[in-house]
PDB file of N, CA and C in Angstrom:
ATOM      1  N   UNK A   1     -11.429  45.027  -2.950  1.00  0.00           N
ATOM      2  CA  UNK A   1     -11.519  44.517  -3.939  1.00  0.00           C
ATOM      3  C   UNK A   1     -10.488  43.093  -3.965  1.00  0.00           C
ATOM      4  N   UNK A   2     -10.950  42.429  -4.351  1.00  0.00           N
ATOM      5  CA  UNK A   2     -10.503  40.937  -4.143  1.00  0.00           C
ATOM      6  C   UNK A   2      -9.149  40.456  -5.325  1.00  0.00           C
ATOM      7  N   UNK A   3      -8.178  40.219  -5.357  1.00  0.00           N
ATOM      8  CA  UNK A   3      -7.581  39.711  -6.553  1.00  0.00           C
ATOM      9  C   UNK A   3      -8.055  39.129  -7.899  1.00  0.00           C
ATOM     10  N   UNK A   4      -7.920  39.080  -9.302  1.00  0.00           N
ATOM     11  CA  UNK A   4      -8.033  38.711  -9.939  1.00  0.00           C
ATOM     12  C   UNK A   4      -7.530  37.047 -10.351  1.00  0.00           C
ATOM     13  N   UNK A   5      -8.024  36.557 -10.882  1.00  0.00           N
ATOM     14  CA  UNK A   5      -7.613  35.122 -10.967  1.00  0.00           C
ATOM     15  C   UNK A   5      -7.980  34.587 -12.432  1.00  0.00           C
ATOM     16  N   UNK A   6      -7.374  33.846 -13.197  1.00  0.00           N
ATOM     17  CA  UNK A   6      -7.657  33.651 -14.512  1.00  0.00           C
ATOM     18  C   UNK A   6      -7.497  31.945 -14.675  1.00  0.00           C
ATOM     19  N   UNK A   7      -8.442  31.399 -15.328  1.00  0.00           N
ATOM     20  CA  UNK A   7      -8.245  29.464 -15.490  1.00  0.00           C
ATOM     21  C   UNK A   7      -7.209  29.534 -16.575  1.00  0.00           C
ATOM     22  N   UNK A   8      -6.179  28.850 -16.334  1.00  0.00           N
ATOM     23  CA  UNK A   8      -5.351  28.231 -17.639  1.00  0.00           C
ATOM     24  C   UNK A   8      -5.739  27.016 -18.279  1.00  0.00           C
ATOM     25  N   UNK A   9      -5.107  27.290 -19.290  1.00  0.00           N
ATOM     26  CA  UNK A   9      -6.072  25.891 -20.359  1.00  0.00           C
ATOM     27  C   UNK A   9      -6.222  24.431 -19.548  1.00  0.00           C
ATOM     28  N   UNK A  10      -5.189  24.011 -18.978  1.00  0.00           N
ATOM     29  CA  UNK A  10      -5.410  23.244 -17.898  1.00  0.00           C
ATOM     30  C   UNK A  10      -6.545  22.726 -16.890  1.00  0.00           C
ATOM     31  N   UNK A  11      -7.219  23.754 -16.707  1.00  0.00           N
ATOM     32  CA  UNK A  11      -7.983  24.088 -15.950  1.00  0.00           C
ATOM     33  C   UNK A  11      -7.624  24.476 -14.474  1.00  0.00           C
ATOM     34  N   UNK A  12      -6.339  24.545 -13.939  1.00  0.00           N
ATOM     35  CA  UNK A  12      -5.720  25.479 -12.760  1.00  0.00           C
ATOM     36  C   UNK A  12      -5.937  27.111 -13.039  1.00  0.00           C
ATOM     37  N   UNK A  13      -5.967  27.329 -11.573  1.00  0.00           N
ATOM     38  CA  UNK A  13      -6.148  28.641 -11.472  1.00  0.00           C
ATOM     39  C   UNK A  13      -5.135  29.424 -11.405  1.00  0.00           C
ATOM     40  N   UNK A  14      -4.939  30.462 -12.051  1.00  0.00           N
ATOM     41  CA  UNK A  14      -3.307  31.376 -11.882  1.00  0.00           C
ATOM     42  C   UNK A  14      -3.582  32.215 -11.027  1.00  0.00           C
ATOM     43  N   UNK A  15      -3.037  32.709  -9.735  1.00  0.00           N
ATOM     44  CA  UNK A  15      -3.459  33.696  -8.814  1.00  0.00           C
ATOM     45  C   UNK A  15      -2.431  34.802  -9.304  1.00  0.00           C
ATOM     46  N   UNK A  16      -2.759  36.047  -8.567  1.00  0.00           N
ATOM     47  CA  UNK A  16      -1.992  37.412  -8.689  1.00  0.00           C
ATOM     48  C   UNK A  16      -0.733  37.206  -7.694  1.00  0.00           C
ATOM     49  N   UNK A  17       0.383  37.322  -8.232  1.00  0.00           N
ATOM     50  CA  UNK A  17       1.692  37.469  -7.295  1.00  0.00           C
ATOM     51  C   UNK A  17       1.441  37.900  -5.963  1.00  0.00           C
ATOM     52  N   UNK A  18       0.511  39.314  -6.054  1.00  0.00           N
ATOM     53  CA  UNK A  18       0.201  39.694  -4.616  1.00  0.00           C
ATOM     54  C   UNK A  18       0.082  38.437  -3.458  1.00  0.00           C
ATOM     55  N   UNK A  19      -0.918  37.219  -3.938  1.00  0.00           N
ATOM     56  CA  UNK A  19      -1.120  36.544  -2.998  1.00  0.00           C
ATOM     57  C   UNK A  19      -0.632  35.666  -2.931  1.00  0.00           C
ATOM     58  N   UNK A  20       0.929  35.196  -2.981  1.00  0.00           N
ATOM     59  CA  UNK A  20       1.617  34.452  -3.194  1.00  0.00           C
ATOM     60  C   UNK A  20       2.964  35.038  -2.627  1.00  0.00           C
ATOM     61  N   UNK A  21       3.340  33.543  -1.677  1.00  0.00           N
ATOM     62  CA  UNK A  21       5.080  34.534  -1.023  1.00  0.00           C
ATOM     63  C   UNK A  21       6.260  33.139  -1.479  1.00  0.00           C
ATOM     64  N   UNK A  22       7.341  33.524  -1.818  1.00  0.00           N
ATOM     65  CA  UNK A  22       8.453  32.456  -1.694  1.00  0.00           C
ATOM     66  C   UNK A  22       8.811  32.186  -0.229  1.00  0.00           C
ATOM     67  N   UNK A  23       8.717  30.669  -0.335  1.00  0.00           N
ATOM     68  CA  UNK A  23       9.309  30.096   1.141  1.00  0.00           C
ATOM     69  C   UNK A  23      10.505  29.394   0.865  1.00  0.00           C
ATOM     70  N   UNK A  24      11.197  29.078   1.391  1.00  0.00           N
ATOM     71  CA  UNK A  24      12.638  28.485   1.546  1.00  0.00           C
ATOM     72  C   UNK A  24      12.501  27.196   2.067  1.00  0.00           C
ATOM     73  N   UNK A  25      12.723  26.166   1.784  1.00  0.00           N
ATOM     74  CA  UNK A  25      12.747  24.835   2.640  1.00  0.00           C
ATOM     75  C   UNK A  25      13.945  24.949   2.809  1.00  0.00           C
ATOM     76  N   UNK A  26      14.126  24.776   4.610  1.00  0.00           N
ATOM     77  CA  UNK A  26      15.498  24.617   5.161  1.00  0.00           C
ATOM     78  C   UNK A  26      16.006  23.475   5.612  1.00  0.00           C
ATOM     79  N   UNK A  27      15.199  22.114   4.940  1.00  0.00           N
ATOM     80  CA  UNK A  27      15.822  21.029   5.342  1.00  0.00           C
ATOM     81  C   UNK A  27      16.133  20.518   4.078  1.00  0.00           C
ATOM     82  N   UNK A  28      16.483  19.103   3.938  1.00  0.00           N
ATOM     83  CA  UNK A  28      16.784  18.401   2.900  1.00  0.00           C
ATOM     84  C   UNK A  28      16.238  17.418   2.576  1.00  0.00           C
ATOM     85  N   UNK A  29      15.226  17.016   3.402  1.00  0.00           N
ATOM     86  CA  UNK A  29      14.407  15.526   2.943  1.00  0.00           C
ATOM     87  C   UNK A  29      13.249  15.921   2.305  1.00  0.00           C
ATOM     88  N   UNK A  30      12.620  15.429   1.407  1.00  0.00           N
ATOM     89  CA  UNK A  30      11.232  15.900   0.839  1.00  0.00           C
ATOM     90  C   UNK A  30       9.976  15.642   1.703  1.00  0.00           C
ATOM     91  N   UNK A  31       9.431  16.981   1.498  1.00  0.00           N
ATOM     92  CA  UNK A  31       8.434  17.231   2.427  1.00  0.00           C
ATOM     93  C   UNK A  31       7.003  17.360   1.677  1.00  0.00           C
ATOM     94  N   UNK A  32       5.713  17.058   1.992  1.00  0.00           N
ATOM     95  CA  UNK A  32       4.807  17.507   1.589  1.00  0.00           C
ATOM     96  C   UNK A  32       3.790  18.275   2.569  1.00  0.00           C
ATOM     97  N   UNK A  33       3.634  19.460   2.537  1.00  0.00           N
ATOM     98  CA  UNK A  33       2.800  19.671   3.747  1.00  0.00           C
ATOM     99  C   UNK A  33       1.473  20.293   3.480  1.00  0.00           C
ATOM    100  N   UNK A  34       0.387  20.458   4.018  1.00  0.00           N
ATOM    101  CA  UNK A  34      -1.185  21.047   3.655  1.00  0.00           C
ATOM    102  C   UNK A  34      -1.210  22.612   4.261  1.00  0.00           C
ATOM    103  N   UNK A  35      -1.126  23.880   3.933  1.00  0.00           N
ATOM    104  CA  UNK A  35      -1.606  24.609   3.888  1.00  0.00           C
ATOM    105  C   UNK A  35      -2.801  24.809   5.346  1.00  0.00           C
ATOM    106  N   UNK A  36      -2.384  25.205   6.069  1.00  0.00           N
ATOM    107  CA  UNK A  36      -3.394  24.990   7.493  1.00  0.00           C
ATOM    108  C   UNK A  36      -4.409  26.361   7.113  1.00  0.00           C
ATOM    109  N   UNK A  37      -4.440  27.036   6.440  1.00  0.00           N
ATOM    110  CA  UNK A  37      -5.641  28.003   6.072  1.00  0.00           C
ATOM    111  C   UNK A  37      -6.601  27.850   4.627  1.00  0.00           C
ATOM    112  N   UNK A  38      -5.249  27.231   3.809  1.00  0.00           N
ATOM    113  CA  UNK A  38      -5.967  27.158   2.651  1.00  0.00           C
ATOM    114  C   UNK A  38      -6.261  25.474   2.186  1.00  0.00           C
ATOM    115  N   UNK A  39      -6.017  24.826   2.715  1.00  0.00           N
ATOM    116  CA  UNK A  39      -5.726  23.297   2.499  1.00  0.00           C
ATOM    117  C   UNK A  39      -5.061  23.028   1.366  1.00  0.00           C
ATOM    118  N   UNK A  40      -4.554  23.852   0.464  1.00  0.00           N
ATOM    119  CA  UNK A  40      -2.983  23.643  -0.488  1.00  0.00           C
ATOM    120  C   UNK A  40      -2.254  22.809  -0.150  1.00  0.00           C
ATOM    121  N   UNK A  41      -1.502  21.722  -1.166  1.00  0.00           N
ATOM    122  CA  UNK A  41      -0.438  21.083  -0.767  1.00  0.00           C
ATOM    123  C   UNK A  41       0.540  21.427  -1.390  1.00  0.00           C
ATOM    124  N   UNK A  42       1.635  21.654  -0.731  1.00  0.00           N
ATOM    125  CA  UNK A  42       3.065  22.562  -1.074  1.00  0.00           C
ATOM    126  C   UNK A  42       4.061  21.217  -0.828  1.00  0.00           C
ATOM    127  N   UNK A  43       5.019  20.779  -2.035  1.00  0.00           N
ATOM    128  CA  UNK A  43       5.959  19.806  -1.955  1.00  0.00           C
ATOM    129  C   UNK A  43       7.022  20.564  -2.422  1.00  0.00           C
ATOM    130  N   UNK A  44       7.981  20.334  -1.054  1.00  0.00           N
ATOM    131  CA  UNK A  44       9.280  20.786  -0.951  1.00  0.00           C
ATOM    132  C   UNK A  44      10.678  19.905  -0.543  1.00  0.00           C
ATOM    133  N   UNK A  45      11.583  19.984  -1.125  1.00  0.00           N
ATOM    134  CA  UNK A  45      12.909  19.369  -1.253  1.00  0.00           C
ATOM    135  C   UNK A  45      14.366  19.871  -1.340  1.00  0.00           C
ATOM    136  N   UNK A  46      15.215  19.273  -0.929  1.00  0.00           N
ATOM    137  CA  UNK A  46      16.526  19.839  -1.487  1.00  0.00           C
ATOM    138  C   UNK A  46      16.601  20.536  -2.465  1.00  0.00           C
ATOM    139  N   UNK A  47      16.310  19.910  -3.736  1.00  0.00           N
ATOM    140  CA  UNK A  47      16.163  20.068  -5.109  1.00  0.00           C
ATOM    141  C   UNK A  47      15.403  21.316  -5.624  1.00  0.00           C
ATOM    142  N   UNK A  48      14.305  21.486  -4.909  1.00  0.00           N
ATOM    143  CA  UNK A  48      13.269  22.335  -5.030  1.00  0.00           C
ATOM    144  C   UNK A  48      12.571  22.907  -3.640  1.00  0.00           C
ATOM    145  N   UNK A  49      13.838  23.525  -2.969  1.00  0.00           N
ATOM    146  CA  UNK A  49      13.627  24.434  -1.747  1.00  0.00           C
ATOM    147  C   UNK A  49      12.746  25.727  -1.692  1.00  0.00           C
ATOM    148  N   UNK A  50      12.712  26.079  -2.761  1.00  0.00           N
ATOM    149  CA  UNK A  50      11.370  27.377  -2.976  1.00  0.00           C
ATOM    150  C   UNK A  50      10.381  27.284  -3.419  1.00  0.00           C
ATOM    151  N   UNK A  51       9.201  27.908  -3.009  1.00  0.00           N
ATOM    152  CA  UNK A  51       8.083  27.557  -3.450  1.00  0.00           C
ATOM    153  C   UNK A  51       7.190  28.453  -3.141  1.00  0.00           C
ATOM    154  N   UNK A  52       6.004  29.176  -4.301  1.00  0.00           N
ATOM    155  CA  UNK A  52       5.009  29.800  -4.231  1.00  0.00           C
ATOM    156  C   UNK A  52       4.173  29.531  -3.213  1.00  0.00           C
ATOM    157  N   UNK A  53       3.718  30.219  -2.123  1.00  0.00           N
ATOM    158  CA  UNK A  53       2.989  29.436  -1.075  1.00  0.00           C
ATOM    159  C   UNK A  53       1.857  30.901  -1.149  1.00  0.00           C
ATOM    160  N   UNK A  54       0.704  30.330  -0.718  1.00  0.00           N
ATOM    161  CA  UNK A  54      -0.407  31.612  -0.603  1.00  0.00           C
ATOM    162  C   UNK A  54      -0.003  32.172   0.429  1.00  0.00           C
ATOM    163  N   UNK A  55      -0.465  33.621   0.528  1.00  0.00           N
ATOM    164  CA  UNK A  55       0.094  34.193   1.686  1.00  0.00           C
ATOM    165  C   UNK A  55      -0.797  33.998   3.005  1.00  0.00           C
ATOM    166  N   UNK A  56      -1.869  33.146   2.605  1.00  0.00           N
ATOM    167  CA  UNK A  56      -2.590  32.664   4.220  1.00  0.00           C
ATOM    168  C   UNK A  56      -2.132  31.897   4.809  1.00  0.00           C
ATOM    169  N   UNK A  57      -1.272  31.179   4.149  1.00  0.00           N
ATOM    170  CA  UNK A  57      -0.659  30.111   4.580  1.00  0.00           C
ATOM    171  C   UNK A  57       0.938  30.166   5.270  1.00  0.00           C
ATOM    172  N   UNK A  58       1.447  31.253   4.849  1.00  0.00           N
ATOM    173  CA  UNK A  58       2.998  31.455   5.121  1.00  0.00           C
ATOM    174  C   UNK A  58       3.273  31.904   6.841  1.00  0.00           C
ATOM    175  N   UNK A  59       2.478  32.713   7.575  1.00  0.00           N
ATOM    176  CA  UNK A  59       3.020  32.656   8.981  1.00  0.00           C
ATOM    177  C   UNK A  59       2.678  30.981   9.672  1.00  0.00           C
ATOM    178  N   UNK A  60       2.241  30.540   9.300  1.00  0.00           N
ATOM    179  CA  UNK A  60       1.810  29.202  10.082  1.00  0.00           C
ATOM    180  C   UNK A  60       2.963  28.283   9.735  1.00  0.00           C
ATOM    181  N   UNK A  61       3.567  28.117   8.592  1.00  0.00           N
ATOM    182  CA  UNK A  61       4.288  27.483   7.952  1.00  0.00           C
ATOM    183  C   UNK A  61       5.738  27.829   8.357  1.00  0.00           C
ATOM    184  N   UNK A  62       6.069  29.171   8.644  1.00  0.00           N
ATOM    185  CA  UNK A  62       7.342  29.602   8.943  1.00  0.00           C
ATOM    186  C   UNK A  62       7.628  29.090  10.249  1.00  0.00           C
ATOM    187  N   UNK A  63       6.380  29.447  11.172  1.00  0.00           N
ATOM    188  CA  UNK A  63       6.315  29.378  12.530  1.00  0.00           C
ATOM    189  C   UNK A  63       6.738  27.193  12.750  1.00  0.00           C
ATOM    190  N   UNK A  64       6.861  26.629  11.659  1.00  0.00           N
ATOM    191  CA  UNK A  64       7.211  25.412  12.222  1.00  0.00           C
ATOM    192  C   UNK A  64       8.694  25.007  12.282  1.00  0.00           C
ATOM    193  N   UNK A  65       9.163  26.553  11.772  1.00  0.00           N
ATOM    194  CA  UNK A  65      10.928  26.078  12.149  1.00  0.00           C
ATOM    195  C   UNK A  65      11.451  25.423  10.363  1.00  0.00           C
ATOM    196  N   UNK A  66      10.871  24.957  10.028  1.00  0.00           N
ATOM    197  CA  UNK A  66      11.006  24.355   8.656  1.00  0.00           C
ATOM    198  C   UNK A  66      11.239  25.247   7.364  1.00  0.00           C
ATOM    199  N   UNK A  67      10.944  26.650   7.143  1.00  0.00           N
ATOM    200  CA  UNK A  67      10.964  27.092   6.122  1.00  0.00           C
ATOM    201  C   UNK A  67      11.482  28.940   6.620  1.00  0.00           C
ATOM    202  N   UNK A  68      11.700  29.614   5.290  1.00  0.00           N
ATOM    203  CA  UNK A  68      12.007  30.653   6.114  1.00  0.00           C
ATOM    204  C   UNK A  68      11.892  31.393   5.017  1.00  0.00           C
ATOM    205  N   UNK A  69      11.396  32.825   4.688  1.00  0.00           N
ATOM    206  CA  UNK A  69      11.033  33.688   3.749  1.00  0.00           C
ATOM    207  C   UNK A  69      12.169  34.328   3.111  1.00  0.00           C
TER     208      UNK A  69
END
């Protein structure tokens, strides 16, 4: 069974919490990364080091050494 998602008034899709993991950016310079599995873009910086990342993208991003769980 797939996780349910619902469209918000702005048209964005809100996913269930089970599909995302909070990743912590370990550097200070702002960075924009593309999730290798989903193609989604994630923006991290020292001011916003925690971002919800789709579960399919987590392992590959952690392997870069720039992120921790």
